[in-house]
Amino acid sequence: MKTIATSGLVLCLALAPSVVRAEMSADDRVFATALEARLRGLDVQKQNCGRGVRIANIQAGQVLDRTERRSYGDTRGGLTSQEKISSPADDARSCERAIEAERSTIQAVLADPDRLRYESERLRVDLREELLSLLMDVRAASAVLNAQSSYEEFALRMGAIGNRLTLIRYRYHIALSRGDHRALGVPISEACNALYAAAAEWKQAHRAAREVASAQAAASRALPWHVEYFQRQVREAQLKHAQAQRRLTDNTTTALTLVHSATRVARHGESASVLSRNR
């Protein structure tokens, strides 16, 4: 009887994770699976941390040689051996500590269904906030595009959008893979793509405008028997600029329409959220 009871206990313990996983929502199961995959990835990442120590050891002889040359007045000498060797080793230890801290956090989340559910939902909420911040950047860039006041300012704003997109893809890849806030993310993504297309056309129009100015300056300095040639260059540059400007206008219209659509989706979502909280 004792053997049977012991076997039953072992069986219950073995089945416990499966029972807990079965009680999770589909989104929480995706979240848990992604965390487990991350744990496996940490093992590989930790192995790479040791490269810093190996590099330090390989460099030691070279650094000592540099230090020795400097002690004899050779100007080719640079940092001391301590300055060179300690940095990679410290980086490796710091890398290992960061990985172990992340491993402990993930294991704690996986061991506690309530915390896993909380972290899963928090990821969803944080993604929405990040998407709304991205939308604010998109609207600011579209305002500059609409006014066509400064190509340089528009380029800077598009650079900021690109950085935020990279952050979202990296930090929220789990939430994105399970389709969180897809109704909001898709129109914002389409607006971003349209802004990038408009940015390319604005760059072409900006370049074409400089070519017109350059051609006109050359024509103003041309000798009488060269005037016709340079006037032809001016007309060709003006035609090229007009075509680029038309494409920019078309792309601007498309971008502004998509930004407006994304804004409308975001506002509708906020209204729906307020109504659900008031019920």
Protein backbone atom coordinates (compact mmCIF):
# COMPACT_ATOMS: atom_id res chain seq x y z
CA MET A 1 0.00 0.00 0.00
CA LYS A 2 2.85 2.35 0.84
CA THR A 3 4.38 1.71 -2.58
CA ILE A 4 1.09 2.45 -4.30
CA ALA A 5 0.64 5.68 -2.33
CA THR A 6 4.18 6.80 -3.13
CA SER A 7 3.68 6.07 -6.81
CA GLY A 8 0.45 8.03 -6.79
CA LEU A 9 2.15 11.03 -5.20
CA VAL A 10 4.95 10.97 -7.76
CA LEU A 11 2.38 10.75 -10.56
CA CYS A 12 0.46 13.74 -9.17
CA LEU A 13 3.62 15.82 -8.96
CA ALA A 14 4.54 14.90 -12.50
CA LEU A 15 1.13 15.84 -13.81
CA ALA A 16 0.89 19.10 -11.84
CA PRO A 17 2.56 21.32 -14.46
CA SER A 18 0.34 19.86 -17.16
CA VAL A 19 -2.77 20.49 -15.10
CA VAL A 20 -1.71 24.10 -14.44
CA ARG A 21 -0.87 24.64 -18.11
CA ALA A 22 -4.28 23.28 -19.12
CA GLU A 23 -5.99 25.86 -16.87
CA MET A 24 -4.17 28.75 -18.51
CA SER A 25 -5.67 30.93 -21.19
CA ALA A 26 -4.30 30.54 -24.70
CA ASP A 27 -2.38 33.81 -24.41
CA ASP A 28 -0.84 32.78 -21.08
CA ARG A 29 0.24 29.46 -22.56
CA VAL A 30 1.95 31.29 -25.41
CA PHE A 31 3.63 33.52 -22.86
CA ALA A 32 4.81 30.56 -20.77
CA THR A 33 6.13 28.75 -23.84
CA ALA A 34 8.06 31.84 -24.90
CA LEU A 35 9.58 32.18 -21.41
CA GLU A 36 10.66 28.54 -21.50
CA ALA A 37 12.29 29.14 -24.87
CA ARG A 38 14.03 32.16 -23.41
CA LEU A 39 15.43 30.00 -20.60
CA ARG A 40 16.97 27.66 -23.16
CA GLY A 41 18.41 30.62 -25.01
CA LEU A 42 20.01 31.93 -21.81
CA ASP A 43 22.14 28.78 -21.58
CA VAL A 44 23.67 29.51 -24.97
CA GLN A 45 24.01 33.20 -24.15
CA LYS A 46 25.85 32.42 -20.92
CA GLN A 47 28.41 30.33 -22.80
CA ASN A 48 29.17 33.38 -24.93
CA CYS A 49 29.86 35.45 -21.81
CA GLY A 50 33.08 33.52 -21.30
CA ARG A 51 34.50 34.88 -24.51
CA GLY A 52 35.40 38.07 -22.69
CA VAL A 53 37.73 36.19 -20.33
CA ARG A 54 39.32 34.23 -23.16
CA ILE A 55 39.88 37.43 -25.13
CA ALA A 56 41.48 39.03 -22.07
CA ASN A 57 43.88 36.12 -21.69
CA ILE A 58 44.82 36.21 -25.36
CA GLN A 59 45.43 39.93 -25.19
CA ALA A 60 47.47 39.73 -22.00
CA GLY A 61 50.79 39.06 -23.68
CA GLN A 62 50.23 41.82 -26.23
CA VAL A 63 49.25 44.31 -23.54
CA LEU A 64 52.21 43.48 -21.35
CA ASP A 65 54.43 44.01 -24.35
CA ARG A 66 52.88 47.43 -24.95
CA THR A 67 53.30 48.32 -21.29
CA GLU A 68 56.92 47.25 -21.35
CA ARG A 69 57.57 49.35 -24.47
CA ARG A 70 56.02 52.36 -22.78
CA SER A 71 58.23 51.88 -19.71
CA TYR A 72 61.22 52.18 -22.01
CA GLY A 73 59.89 55.39 -23.50
CA ASP A 74 58.31 53.91 -26.65
CA THR A 75 55.42 56.18 -27.62
CA ARG A 76 53.56 53.21 -29.11
CA GLY A 77 52.65 52.09 -25.63
CA GLY A 78 49.06 52.71 -24.57
CA LEU A 79 47.01 51.54 -21.60
CA THR A 80 48.35 49.49 -18.72
CA SER A 81 47.83 45.74 -18.62
CA GLN A 82 45.38 46.13 -15.72
CA GLU A 83 43.29 48.61 -17.69
CA LYS A 84 43.14 46.31 -20.69
CA ILE A 85 42.73 42.90 -19.04
CA SER A 86 40.25 43.71 -16.29
CA SER A 87 37.60 45.18 -18.61
CA PRO A 88 36.72 42.02 -20.62
CA ALA A 89 36.79 39.88 -17.48
CA ASP A 90 34.49 42.30 -15.67
CA ASP A 91 32.21 42.35 -18.69
CA ALA A 92 32.00 38.55 -18.64
CA ARG A 93 31.11 38.45 -14.94
CA SER A 94 28.56 41.22 -15.40
CA CYS A 95 27.06 39.31 -18.34
CA GLU A 96 26.78 36.12 -16.26
CA ARG A 97 25.16 37.95 -13.33
CA ALA A 98 22.61 39.57 -15.65
CA ILE A 99 21.75 36.21 -17.19
CA GLU A 100 21.37 34.51 -13.82
CA ALA A 101 19.14 37.34 -12.59
CA GLU A 102 16.94 37.01 -15.67
CA ARG A 103 16.88 33.22 -15.25
CA SER A 104 15.72 33.54 -11.65
CA THR A 105 12.99 35.98 -12.61
CA ILE A 106 11.69 33.77 -15.42
CA GLN A 107 11.72 30.66 -13.22
CA ALA A 108 9.82 32.52 -10.50
CA VAL A 109 7.19 33.65 -13.02
CA LEU A 110 6.78 30.14 -14.46
CA ALA A 111 6.42 28.65 -10.96
CA ASP A 112 3.58 30.99 -9.97
CA PRO A 113 0.45 30.85 -12.20
CA ASP A 114 -0.93 34.07 -10.72
CA ARG A 115 2.28 35.96 -11.38
CA LEU A 116 2.51 34.50 -14.86
CA ARG A 117 -1.01 35.71 -15.58
CA TYR A 118 -0.12 39.16 -14.18
CA GLU A 119 3.09 39.44 -16.22
CA SER A 120 1.30 38.24 -19.34
CA GLU A 121 -1.37 40.91 -18.95
CA ARG A 122 1.17 43.58 -18.06
CA LEU A 123 3.03 42.82 -21.28
CA ARG A 124 -0.20 43.36 -23.18
CA VAL A 125 -0.87 46.68 -21.44
CA ASP A 126 2.70 47.90 -21.91
CA LEU A 127 2.56 47.08 -25.61
CA ARG A 128 -0.54 49.19 -26.02
CA GLU A 129 1.12 52.12 -24.27
CA GLU A 130 4.17 51.77 -26.50
CA LEU A 131 1.99 51.64 -29.61
CA LEU A 132 0.21 54.81 -28.52
CA SER A 133 3.58 56.52 -27.98
CA LEU A 134 4.60 55.38 -31.46
CA LEU A 135 1.38 56.84 -32.83
CA MET A 136 2.23 60.20 -31.22
CA ASP A 137 5.61 60.13 -32.98
CA VAL A 138 3.89 59.21 -36.24
CA ARG A 139 1.40 62.08 -35.94
CA ALA A 140 4.20 64.55 -35.18
CA ALA A 141 6.13 63.40 -38.25
CA SER A 142 3.03 63.57 -40.42
CA ALA A 143 2.44 67.19 -39.34
CA VAL A 144 5.93 68.12 -40.54
CA LEU A 145 5.32 66.21 -43.76
CA ASN A 146 2.00 67.94 -44.34
CA ALA A 147 3.54 71.39 -43.83
CA GLN A 148 6.72 70.37 -45.70
CA SER A 149 8.47 72.89 -43.49
CA SER A 150 11.79 71.11 -42.94
CA TYR A 151 13.06 67.93 -44.54
CA GLU A 152 15.85 67.73 -41.93
CA GLU A 153 13.35 67.82 -39.05
CA PHE A 154 11.21 65.20 -40.78
CA ALA A 155 14.26 62.94 -41.23
CA LEU A 156 15.07 63.25 -37.53
CA ARG A 157 11.50 62.35 -36.56
CA MET A 158 11.56 59.34 -38.89
CA GLY A 159 14.80 58.25 -37.24
CA ALA A 160 13.06 58.37 -33.85
CA ILE A 161 10.19 56.32 -35.26
CA GLY A 162 12.63 53.73 -36.55
CA ASN A 163 14.27 53.46 -33.13
CA ARG A 164 10.92 52.98 -31.41
CA LEU A 165 9.87 50.34 -33.94
CA THR A 166 13.07 48.42 -33.26
CA LEU A 167 12.45 48.61 -29.51
CA ILE A 168 8.86 47.37 -29.91
CA ARG A 169 9.89 44.43 -32.08
CA TYR A 170 12.58 43.40 -29.59
CA ARG A 171 10.87 44.03 -26.26
CA TYR A 172 7.36 42.93 -27.20
CA HIS A 173 8.00 40.09 -29.66
CA ILE A 174 6.00 37.68 -27.45
CA ALA A 175 2.98 39.96 -27.34
CA LEU A 176 3.24 40.63 -31.07
CA SER A 177 3.53 36.93 -31.89
CA ARG A 178 0.29 36.16 -30.06
CA GLY A 179 -1.51 39.03 -31.82
CA ASP A 180 -1.93 41.48 -28.94
CA HIS A 181 -3.50 44.78 -30.05
CA ARG A 182 -3.31 43.76 -33.69
CA ALA A 183 -6.27 46.02 -34.49
CA LEU A 184 -4.19 48.99 -33.33
CA GLY A 185 -0.76 47.82 -34.42
CA VAL A 186 -1.63 47.09 -38.05
CA PRO A 187 -2.94 50.58 -38.96
CA ILE A 188 0.00 52.20 -37.15
CA SER A 189 2.39 49.96 -39.07
CA GLU A 190 0.71 50.89 -42.35
CA ALA A 191 1.00 54.58 -41.45
CA CYS A 192 4.72 54.10 -40.70
CA ASN A 193 5.27 52.40 -44.06
CA ALA A 194 3.50 55.26 -45.82
CA LEU A 195 5.66 57.81 -43.99
CA TYR A 196 8.80 55.96 -45.03
CA ALA A 197 7.60 56.00 -48.64
CA ALA A 198 6.91 59.73 -48.38
CA ALA A 199 10.33 60.27 -46.81
CA ALA A 200 11.98 58.66 -49.82
CA GLU A 201 10.00 60.87 -52.21
CA TRP A 202 10.71 64.00 -50.16
CA LYS A 203 14.40 63.18 -50.29
CA GLN A 204 14.18 62.89 -54.08
CA ALA A 205 12.27 66.17 -54.33
CA HIS A 206 14.79 67.83 -52.01
CA ARG A 207 17.64 66.64 -54.21
CA ALA A 208 15.81 67.66 -57.38
CA ALA A 209 15.30 71.18 -55.98
CA ARG A 210 19.03 71.49 -55.37
CA GLU A 211 19.68 70.34 -58.94
CA VAL A 212 17.34 73.05 -60.26
CA ALA A 213 19.15 75.68 -58.22
CA SER A 214 22.52 74.42 -59.40
CA ALA A 215 21.40 74.38 -63.06
CA GLN A 216 20.00 77.90 -62.78
CA ALA A 217 23.24 79.16 -61.22
CA ALA A 218 25.26 77.55 -64.02
CA ALA A 219 22.98 79.08 -66.67
CA SER A 220 23.36 82.53 -65.15
CA ARG A 221 27.13 82.27 -65.49
CA ALA A 222 27.13 80.72 -68.96
CA LEU A 223 28.74 82.36 -71.94
CA PRO A 224 26.27 83.55 -74.64
CA TRP A 225 26.96 80.61 -76.96
CA HIS A 226 26.39 78.14 -74.08
CA VAL A 227 23.14 79.63 -72.81
CA GLU A 228 20.84 77.35 -74.80
CA TYR A 229 22.62 74.24 -73.49
CA PHE A 230 22.35 75.36 -69.86
CA GLN A 231 18.75 76.47 -70.30
CA ARG A 232 17.98 72.96 -71.48
CA GLN A 233 19.63 71.60 -68.32
CA VAL A 234 17.44 73.93 -66.28
CA ARG A 235 14.25 72.72 -67.99
CA GLU A 236 15.19 69.07 -67.47
CA ALA A 237 15.94 69.69 -63.80
CA GLN A 238 12.65 71.52 -63.36
CA LEU A 239 10.75 68.66 -65.00
CA LYS A 240 12.47 66.15 -62.73
CA HIS A 241 11.63 68.28 -59.70
CA ALA A 242 7.98 68.64 -60.75
CA GLN A 243 7.64 64.87 -61.14
CA ALA A 244 9.24 64.27 -57.75
CA GLN A 245 6.96 66.86 -56.19
CA ARG A 246 3.86 65.17 -57.65
CA ARG A 247 4.96 61.81 -56.26
CA LEU A 248 5.61 63.44 -52.90
CA THR A 249 2.14 64.98 -52.92
CA ASP A 250 0.53 61.61 -53.68
CA ASN A 251 2.52 59.85 -50.97
CA THR A 252 1.78 62.61 -48.50
CA THR A 253 -1.95 62.26 -49.12
CA THR A 254 -1.76 58.49 -48.60
CA ALA A 255 0.32 58.87 -45.44
CA LEU A 256 -1.98 61.46 -43.90
CA THR A 257 -5.01 59.29 -44.64
CA LEU A 258 -3.42 56.26 -42.95
CA VAL A 259 -2.27 58.31 -39.95
CA HIS A 260 -5.83 59.61 -39.58
CA SER A 261 -7.17 56.04 -39.74
CA ALA A 262 -4.71 54.84 -37.09
CA THR A 263 -5.65 57.79 -34.86
CA ARG A 264 -9.33 56.97 -35.24
CA VAL A 265 -8.70 53.33 -34.27
CA ALA A 266 -6.74 54.42 -31.19
CA ARG A 267 -9.47 56.84 -30.10
CA HIS A 268 -12.16 54.21 -30.63
CA GLY A 269 -10.16 51.82 -28.47
CA GLU A 270 -9.82 54.41 -25.70
CA SER A 271 -13.57 55.08 -25.80
CA ALA A 272 -14.33 51.36 -25.61
CA SER A 273 -11.91 50.99 -22.68
CA VAL A 274 -13.59 53.85 -20.78
CA LEU A 275 -17.04 52.34 -21.36
CA SER A 276 -15.91 48.92 -20.11
CA ARG A 277 -14.45 50.47 -16.92
CA ASN A 278 -17.68 52.39 -16.25
CA ARG A 279 -19.87 49.33 -16.46
